[in-house]
Amino acid sequence: MNSPKPEDTAVYYCAAGRLNYELARDAGR
């Protein structure tokens, strides 16, 4: 994270997707 902004404040979560959905942006994937 370079040049973070106050609006970047949050809890950050790492996630793993079992199926091959490249470019997935949906948490459900």
PDB file of all heavy atoms in Angstrom:
ATOM      1  N   MET A   1       0.847  -1.181   0.000  1.00  0.00           N
ATOM      2  CA  MET A   1       0.000   0.000   0.000  1.00  0.00           C
ATOM      3  C   MET A   1       0.887   1.236   0.000  1.00  0.00           C
ATOM      4  O   MET A   1       1.501   1.567   1.011  1.00  0.00           O
ATOM      5  CB  MET A   1      -0.924   0.005   1.218  1.00  0.00           C
ATOM      6  CG  MET A   1      -1.784  -1.243   1.337  1.00  0.00           C
ATOM      7  SD  MET A   1      -2.695  -1.348   2.907  1.00  0.00           S
ATOM      8  CE  MET A   1      -3.692   0.125   2.829  1.00  0.00           C
ATOM      9  N   ASN A   2       0.946   1.888  -1.131  1.00  0.00           N
ATOM     10  CA  ASN A   2       1.687   3.129  -1.247  1.00  0.00           C
ATOM     11  C   ASN A   2       0.723   4.300  -1.298  1.00  0.00           C
ATOM     12  O   ASN A   2      -0.373   4.194  -1.834  1.00  0.00           O
ATOM     13  CB  ASN A   2       2.567   3.122  -2.497  1.00  0.00           C
ATOM     14  CG  ASN A   2       3.678   2.115  -2.425  1.00  0.00           C
ATOM     15  OD1 ASN A   2       4.149   1.758  -1.348  1.00  0.00           O
ATOM     16  ND2 ASN A   2       4.125   1.648  -3.585  1.00  0.00           N
ATOM     17  N   SER A   3       1.161   5.403  -0.754  1.00  0.00           N
ATOM     18  CA  SER A   3       0.348   6.620  -0.706  1.00  0.00           C
ATOM     19  C   SER A   3      -1.058   6.353  -0.196  1.00  0.00           C
ATOM     20  O   SER A   3      -2.050   6.753  -0.819  1.00  0.00           O
ATOM     21  CB  SER A   3       0.292   7.272  -2.090  1.00  0.00           C
ATOM     22  OG  SER A   3       1.585   7.622  -2.539  1.00  0.00           O
ATOM     23  N   PRO A   4      -1.199   5.667   0.928  1.00  0.00           N
ATOM     24  CA  PRO A   4      -2.544   5.423   1.440  1.00  0.00           C
ATOM     25  C   PRO A   4      -3.237   6.719   1.826  1.00  0.00           C
ATOM     26  O   PRO A   4      -2.584   7.710   2.189  1.00  0.00           O
ATOM     27  CB  PRO A   4      -2.303   4.527   2.656  1.00  0.00           C
ATOM     28  CG  PRO A   4      -0.919   4.878   3.109  1.00  0.00           C
ATOM     29  CD  PRO A   4      -0.158   5.161   1.842  1.00  0.00           C
ATOM     30  N   LYS A   5      -4.539   6.684   1.751  1.00  0.00           N
ATOM     31  CA  LYS A   5      -5.386   7.822   2.070  1.00  0.00           C
ATOM     32  C   LYS A   5      -6.264   7.484   3.256  1.00  0.00           C
ATOM     33  O   LYS A   5      -6.512   6.310   3.537  1.00  0.00           O
ATOM     34  CB  LYS A   5      -6.259   8.188   0.866  1.00  0.00           C
ATOM     35  CG  LYS A   5      -5.492   8.464  -0.411  1.00  0.00           C
ATOM     36  CD  LYS A   5      -6.447   8.678  -1.578  1.00  0.00           C
ATOM     37  CE  LYS A   5      -5.685   8.928  -2.866  1.00  0.00           C
ATOM     38  NZ  LYS A   5      -6.610   9.113  -4.009  1.00  0.00           N
ATOM     39  N   PRO A   6      -6.765   8.495   3.960  1.00  0.00           N
ATOM     40  CA  PRO A   6      -7.661   8.204   5.083  1.00  0.00           C
ATOM     41  C   PRO A   6      -8.839   7.319   4.700  1.00  0.00           C
ATOM     42  O   PRO A   6      -9.278   6.496   5.519  1.00  0.00           O
ATOM     43  CB  PRO A   6      -8.116   9.596   5.532  1.00  0.00           C
ATOM     44  CG  PRO A   6      -6.970  10.484   5.183  1.00  0.00           C
ATOM     45  CD  PRO A   6      -6.438   9.936   3.884  1.00  0.00           C
ATOM     46  N   GLU A   7      -9.338   7.448   3.485  1.00  0.00           N
ATOM     47  CA  GLU A   7     -10.451   6.620   3.060  1.00  0.00           C
ATOM     48  C   GLU A   7     -10.078   5.161   2.847  1.00  0.00           C
ATOM     49  O   GLU A   7     -10.953   4.324   2.612  1.00  0.00           O
ATOM     50  CB  GLU A   7     -11.102   7.189   1.787  1.00  0.00           C
ATOM     51  CG  GLU A   7     -10.119   7.467   0.674  1.00  0.00           C
ATOM     52  CD  GLU A   7      -9.697   8.925   0.609  1.00  0.00           C
ATOM     53  OE1 GLU A   7      -9.398   9.512   1.669  1.00  0.00           O
ATOM     54  OE2 GLU A   7      -9.675   9.483  -0.512  1.00  0.00           O
ATOM     55  N   ASP A   8      -8.786   4.843   2.915  1.00  0.00           N
ATOM     56  CA  ASP A   8      -8.348   3.455   2.873  1.00  0.00           C
ATOM     57  C   ASP A   8      -8.454   2.771   4.229  1.00  0.00           C
ATOM     58  O   ASP A   8      -8.203   1.565   4.320  1.00  0.00           O
ATOM     59  CB  ASP A   8      -6.907   3.359   2.379  1.00  0.00           C
ATOM     60  CG  ASP A   8      -6.742   3.823   0.945  1.00  0.00           C
ATOM     61  OD1 ASP A   8      -7.604   3.509   0.104  1.00  0.00           O
ATOM     62  OD2 ASP A   8      -5.726   4.500   0.658  1.00  0.00           O
ATOM     63  N   THR A   9      -8.789   3.523   5.256  1.00  0.00           N
ATOM     64  CA  THR A   9      -8.918   2.954   6.590  1.00  0.00           C
ATOM     65  C   THR A   9     -10.012   1.894   6.613  1.00  0.00           C
ATOM     66  O   THR A   9     -11.151   2.149   6.222  1.00  0.00           O
ATOM     67  CB  THR A   9      -9.231   4.052   7.606  1.00  0.00           C
ATOM     68  OG1 THR A   9      -8.117   4.948   7.702  1.00  0.00           O
ATOM     69  CG2 THR A   9      -9.505   3.462   8.980  1.00  0.00           C
ATOM     70  N   ALA A  10      -9.657   0.710   7.055  1.00  0.00           N
ATOM     71  CA  ALA A  10     -10.596  -0.411   7.077  1.00  0.00           C
ATOM     72  C   ALA A  10      -9.896  -1.622   7.674  1.00  0.00           C
ATOM     73  O   ALA A  10      -8.678  -1.619   7.890  1.00  0.00           O
ATOM     74  CB  ALA A  10     -11.088  -0.747   5.665  1.00  0.00           C
ATOM     75  N   VAL A  11     -10.677  -2.650   7.925  1.00  0.00           N
ATOM     76  CA  VAL A  11     -10.114  -3.960   8.198  1.00  0.00           C
ATOM     77  C   VAL A  11      -9.899  -4.645   6.857  1.00  0.00           C
ATOM     78  O   VAL A  11     -10.823  -4.730   6.042  1.00  0.00           O
ATOM     79  CB  VAL A  11     -11.035  -4.807   9.094  1.00  0.00           C
ATOM     80  CG1 VAL A  11     -10.464  -6.207   9.280  1.00  0.00           C
ATOM     81  CG2 VAL A  11     -11.224  -4.129  10.446  1.00  0.00           C
ATOM     82  N   TYR A  12      -8.701  -5.126   6.633  1.00  0.00           N
ATOM     83  CA  TYR A  12      -8.348  -5.758   5.374  1.00  0.00           C
ATOM     84  C   TYR A  12      -8.335  -7.269   5.545  1.00  0.00           C
ATOM     85  O   TYR A  12      -7.729  -7.793   6.476  1.00  0.00           O
ATOM     86  CB  TYR A  12      -6.987  -5.265   4.888  1.00  0.00           C
ATOM     87  CG  TYR A  12      -7.057  -3.900   4.258  1.00  0.00           C
ATOM     88  CD1 TYR A  12      -7.293  -2.775   5.044  1.00  0.00           C
ATOM     89  CD2 TYR A  12      -6.919  -3.729   2.886  1.00  0.00           C
ATOM     90  CE1 TYR A  12      -7.391  -1.517   4.474  1.00  0.00           C
ATOM     91  CE2 TYR A  12      -7.012  -2.476   2.314  1.00  0.00           C
ATOM     92  CZ  TYR A  12      -7.248  -1.375   3.107  1.00  0.00           C
ATOM     93  OH  TYR A  12      -7.337  -0.123   2.533  1.00  0.00           O
ATOM     94  N   TYR A  13      -8.991  -7.948   4.623  1.00  0.00           N
ATOM     95  CA  TYR A  13      -9.128  -9.394   4.668  1.00  0.00           C
ATOM     96  C   TYR A  13      -8.471 -10.043   3.461  1.00  0.00           C
ATOM     97  O   TYR A  13      -8.628  -9.585   2.332  1.00  0.00           O
ATOM     98  CB  TYR A  13     -10.605  -9.796   4.679  1.00  0.00           C
ATOM     99  CG  TYR A  13     -11.376  -9.328   5.885  1.00  0.00           C
ATOM    100  CD1 TYR A  13     -12.046  -8.114   5.878  1.00  0.00           C
ATOM    101  CD2 TYR A  13     -11.438 -10.111   7.031  1.00  0.00           C
ATOM    102  CE1 TYR A  13     -12.759  -7.681   6.981  1.00  0.00           C
ATOM    103  CE2 TYR A  13     -12.155  -9.689   8.139  1.00  0.00           C
ATOM    104  CZ  TYR A  13     -12.811  -8.473   8.104  1.00  0.00           C
ATOM    105  OH  TYR A  13     -13.526  -8.049   9.197  1.00  0.00           O
ATOM    106  N   CYS A  14      -7.789 -11.108   3.726  1.00  0.00           N
ATOM    107  CA  CYS A  14      -7.250 -11.966   2.691  1.00  0.00           C
ATOM    108  C   CYS A  14      -8.269 -13.059   2.387  1.00  0.00           C
ATOM    109  O   CYS A  14      -8.929 -13.579   3.297  1.00  0.00           O
ATOM    110  CB  CYS A  14      -5.934 -12.577   3.178  1.00  0.00           C
ATOM    111  SG  CYS A  14      -5.136 -13.724   2.056  1.00  0.00           S
ATOM    112  N   ALA A  15      -8.418 -13.406   1.121  1.00  0.00           N
ATOM    113  CA  ALA A  15      -9.394 -14.405   0.726  1.00  0.00           C
ATOM    114  C   ALA A  15      -8.822 -15.329  -0.336  1.00  0.00           C
ATOM    115  O   ALA A  15      -7.991 -14.919  -1.155  1.00  0.00           O
ATOM    116  CB  ALA A  15     -10.659 -13.726   0.189  1.00  0.00           C
ATOM    117  N   ALA A  16      -9.281 -16.565  -0.325  1.00  0.00           N
ATOM    118  CA  ALA A  16      -8.862 -17.575  -1.288  1.00  0.00           C
ATOM    119  C   ALA A  16     -10.070 -18.132  -2.008  1.00  0.00           C
ATOM    120  O   ALA A  16     -11.080 -18.459  -1.379  1.00  0.00           O
ATOM    121  CB  ALA A  16      -8.100 -18.698  -0.594  1.00  0.00           C
ATOM    122  N   GLY A  17      -9.958 -18.247  -3.321  1.00  0.00           N
ATOM    123  CA  GLY A  17     -11.015 -18.808  -4.135  1.00  0.00           C
ATOM    124  C   GLY A  17     -10.643 -20.173  -4.662  1.00  0.00           C
ATOM    125  O   GLY A  17      -9.622 -20.314  -5.344  1.00  0.00           O
ATOM    126  N   ARG A  18     -11.476 -21.143  -4.389  1.00  0.00           N
ATOM    127  CA  ARG A  18     -11.166 -22.519  -4.765  1.00  0.00           C
ATOM    128  C   ARG A  18     -11.350 -22.760  -6.260  1.00  0.00           C
ATOM    129  O   ARG A  18     -10.572 -23.484  -6.869  1.00  0.00           O
ATOM    130  CB  ARG A  18     -12.058 -23.468  -3.960  1.00  0.00           C
ATOM    131  CG  ARG A  18     -11.812 -24.934  -4.205  1.00  0.00           C
ATOM    132  CD  ARG A  18     -12.619 -25.788  -3.244  1.00  0.00           C
ATOM    133  NE  ARG A  18     -14.042 -25.504  -3.325  1.00  0.00           N
ATOM    134  CZ  ARG A  18     -14.875 -26.076  -4.191  1.00  0.00           C
ATOM    135  NH1 ARG A  18     -14.414 -26.960  -5.069  1.00  0.00           N
ATOM    136  NH2 ARG A  18     -16.161 -25.751  -4.193  1.00  0.00           N
ATOM    137  N   LEU A  19     -12.355 -22.156  -6.835  1.00  0.00           N
ATOM    138  CA  LEU A  19     -12.642 -22.355  -8.242  1.00  0.00           C
ATOM    139  C   LEU A  19     -11.907 -21.327  -9.083  1.00  0.00           C
ATOM    140  O   LEU A  19     -11.498 -20.276  -8.600  1.00  0.00           O
ATOM    141  CB  LEU A  19     -14.142 -22.289  -8.507  1.00  0.00           C
ATOM    142  CG  LEU A  19     -14.986 -23.337  -7.784  1.00  0.00           C
ATOM    143  CD1 LEU A  19     -16.456 -23.151  -8.130  1.00  0.00           C
ATOM    144  CD2 LEU A  19     -14.528 -24.740  -8.136  1.00  0.00           C
ATOM    145  N   ASN A  20     -11.767 -21.640 -10.339  1.00  0.00           N
ATOM    146  CA  ASN A  20     -10.966 -20.823 -11.234  1.00  0.00           C
ATOM    147  C   ASN A  20     -11.794 -19.688 -11.822  1.00  0.00           C
ATOM    148  O   ASN A  20     -12.231 -19.744 -12.974  1.00  0.00           O
ATOM    149  CB  ASN A  20     -10.357 -21.681 -12.339  1.00  0.00           C
ATOM    150  CG  ASN A  20      -9.363 -20.918 -13.175  1.00  0.00           C
ATOM    151  OD1 ASN A  20      -8.768 -19.947 -12.712  1.00  0.00           O
ATOM    152  ND2 ASN A  20      -9.174 -21.351 -14.411  1.00  0.00           N
ATOM    153  N   TYR A  21     -12.013 -18.674 -11.018  1.00  0.00           N
ATOM    154  CA  TYR A  21     -12.701 -17.463 -11.456  1.00  0.00           C
ATOM    155  C   TYR A  21     -11.699 -16.325 -11.502  1.00  0.00           C
ATOM    156  O   TYR A  21     -11.596 -15.531 -10.565  1.00  0.00           O
ATOM    157  CB  TYR A  21     -13.853 -17.114 -10.531  1.00  0.00           C
ATOM    158  CG  TYR A  21     -15.005 -18.078 -10.567  1.00  0.00           C
ATOM    159  CD1 TYR A  21     -15.266 -18.916  -9.495  1.00  0.00           C
ATOM    160  CD2 TYR A  21     -15.842 -18.134 -11.675  1.00  0.00           C
ATOM    161  CE1 TYR A  21     -16.328 -19.799  -9.524  1.00  0.00           C
ATOM    162  CE2 TYR A  21     -16.907 -19.014 -11.714  1.00  0.00           C
ATOM    163  CZ  TYR A  21     -17.151 -19.851 -10.630  1.00  0.00           C
ATOM    164  OH  TYR A  21     -18.214 -20.713 -10.665  1.00  0.00           O
ATOM    165  N   GLU A  22     -10.953 -16.249 -12.553  1.00  0.00           N
ATOM    166  CA  GLU A  22     -10.010 -15.152 -12.703  1.00  0.00           C
ATOM    167  C   GLU A  22     -10.754 -13.844 -12.863  1.00  0.00           C
ATOM    168  O   GLU A  22     -11.836 -13.790 -13.432  1.00  0.00           O
ATOM    169  CB  GLU A  22      -9.085 -15.379 -13.891  1.00  0.00           C
ATOM    170  CG  GLU A  22      -8.065 -16.475 -13.669  1.00  0.00           C
ATOM    171  CD  GLU A  22      -6.963 -16.482 -14.711  1.00  0.00           C
ATOM    172  OE1 GLU A  22      -6.914 -15.555 -15.553  1.00  0.00           O
ATOM    173  OE2 GLU A  22      -6.145 -17.414 -14.693  1.00  0.00           O
ATOM    174  N   LEU A  23     -10.175 -12.802 -12.317  1.00  0.00           N
ATOM    175  CA  LEU A  23     -10.721 -11.448 -12.338  1.00  0.00           C
ATOM    176  C   LEU A  23     -11.960 -11.300 -11.461  1.00  0.00           C
ATOM    177  O   LEU A  23     -12.712 -10.347 -11.607  1.00  0.00           O
ATOM    178  CB  LEU A  23     -11.034 -10.986 -13.770  1.00  0.00           C
ATOM    179  CG  LEU A  23      -9.890 -11.099 -14.784  1.00  0.00           C
ATOM    180  CD1 LEU A  23     -10.342 -10.577 -16.137  1.00  0.00           C
ATOM    181  CD2 LEU A  23      -8.670 -10.335 -14.301  1.00  0.00           C
ATOM    182  N   ALA A  24     -12.163 -12.227 -10.546  1.00  0.00           N
ATOM    183  CA  ALA A  24     -13.316 -12.158  -9.662  1.00  0.00           C
ATOM    184  C   ALA A  24     -13.198 -10.972  -8.720  1.00  0.00           C
ATOM    185  O   ALA A  24     -12.149 -10.741  -8.107  1.00  0.00           O
ATOM    186  CB  ALA A  24     -13.442 -13.446  -8.868  1.00  0.00           C
ATOM    187  N   ARG A  25     -14.286 -10.218  -8.590  1.00  0.00           N
ATOM    188  CA  ARG A  25     -14.381  -9.095  -7.669  1.00  0.00           C
ATOM    189  C   ARG A  25     -15.480  -9.286  -6.634  1.00  0.00           C
ATOM    190  O   ARG A  25     -15.624  -8.458  -5.728  1.00  0.00           O
ATOM    191  CB  ARG A  25     -14.631  -7.805  -8.449  1.00  0.00           C
ATOM    192  CG  ARG A  25     -13.506  -7.446  -9.405  1.00  0.00           C
ATOM    193  CD  ARG A  25     -13.894  -6.294 -10.321  1.00  0.00           C
ATOM    194  NE  ARG A  25     -12.814  -5.984 -11.252  1.00  0.00           N
ATOM    195  CZ  ARG A  25     -11.930  -5.011 -11.090  1.00  0.00           C
ATOM    196  NH1 ARG A  25     -12.016  -4.205 -10.033  1.00  0.00           N
ATOM    197  NH2 ARG A  25     -10.976  -4.816 -11.979  1.00  0.00           N
ATOM    198  N   ASP A  26     -16.225 -10.329  -6.765  1.00  0.00           N
ATOM    199  CA  ASP A  26     -17.338 -10.635  -5.886  1.00  0.00           C
ATOM    200  C   ASP A  26     -16.844 -11.488  -4.723  1.00  0.00           C
ATOM    201  O   ASP A  26     -16.209 -12.520  -4.926  1.00  0.00           O
ATOM    202  CB  ASP A  26     -18.420 -11.358  -6.682  1.00  0.00           C
ATOM    203  CG  ASP A  26     -19.661 -11.670  -5.881  1.00  0.00           C
ATOM    204  OD1 ASP A  26     -19.728 -11.310  -4.685  1.00  0.00           O
ATOM    205  OD2 ASP A  26     -20.584 -12.272  -6.450  1.00  0.00           O
ATOM    206  N   ALA A  27     -17.151 -11.066  -3.503  1.00  0.00           N
ATOM    207  CA  ALA A  27     -16.744 -11.830  -2.335  1.00  0.00           C
ATOM    208  C   ALA A  27     -17.280 -13.255  -2.372  1.00  0.00           C
ATOM    209  O   ALA A  27     -16.664 -14.168  -1.809  1.00  0.00           O
ATOM    210  CB  ALA A  27     -17.202 -11.130  -1.052  1.00  0.00           C
ATOM    211  N   GLY A  28     -18.402 -13.448  -3.038  1.00  0.00           N
ATOM    212  CA  GLY A  28     -18.981 -14.769  -3.143  1.00  0.00           C
ATOM    213  C   GLY A  28     -18.165 -15.745  -3.960  1.00  0.00           C
ATOM    214  O   GLY A  28     -18.402 -16.950  -3.900  1.00  0.00           O
ATOM    215  N   ARG A  29     -17.224 -15.251  -4.721  1.00  0.00           N
ATOM    216  CA  ARG A  29     -16.343 -16.113  -5.509  1.00  0.00           C
ATOM    217  C   ARG A  29     -15.162 -16.625  -4.695  1.00  0.00           C
ATOM    218  O   ARG A  29     -14.369 -17.422  -5.208  1.00  0.00           O
ATOM    219  CB  ARG A  29     -15.817 -15.360  -6.722  1.00  0.00           C
ATOM    220  CG  ARG A  29     -16.892 -14.879  -7.683  1.00  0.00           C
ATOM    221  CD  ARG A  29     -17.615 -16.031  -8.337  1.00  0.00           C
ATOM    222  NE  ARG A  29     -18.469 -15.572  -9.429  1.00  0.00           N
ATOM    223  CZ  ARG A  29     -19.272 -16.347 -10.137  1.00  0.00           C
ATOM    224  NH1 ARG A  29     -19.326 -17.650  -9.880  1.00  0.00           N
ATOM    225  NH2 ARG A  29     -20.005 -15.840 -11.108  1.00  0.00           N
TER     226      ARG A  29
END
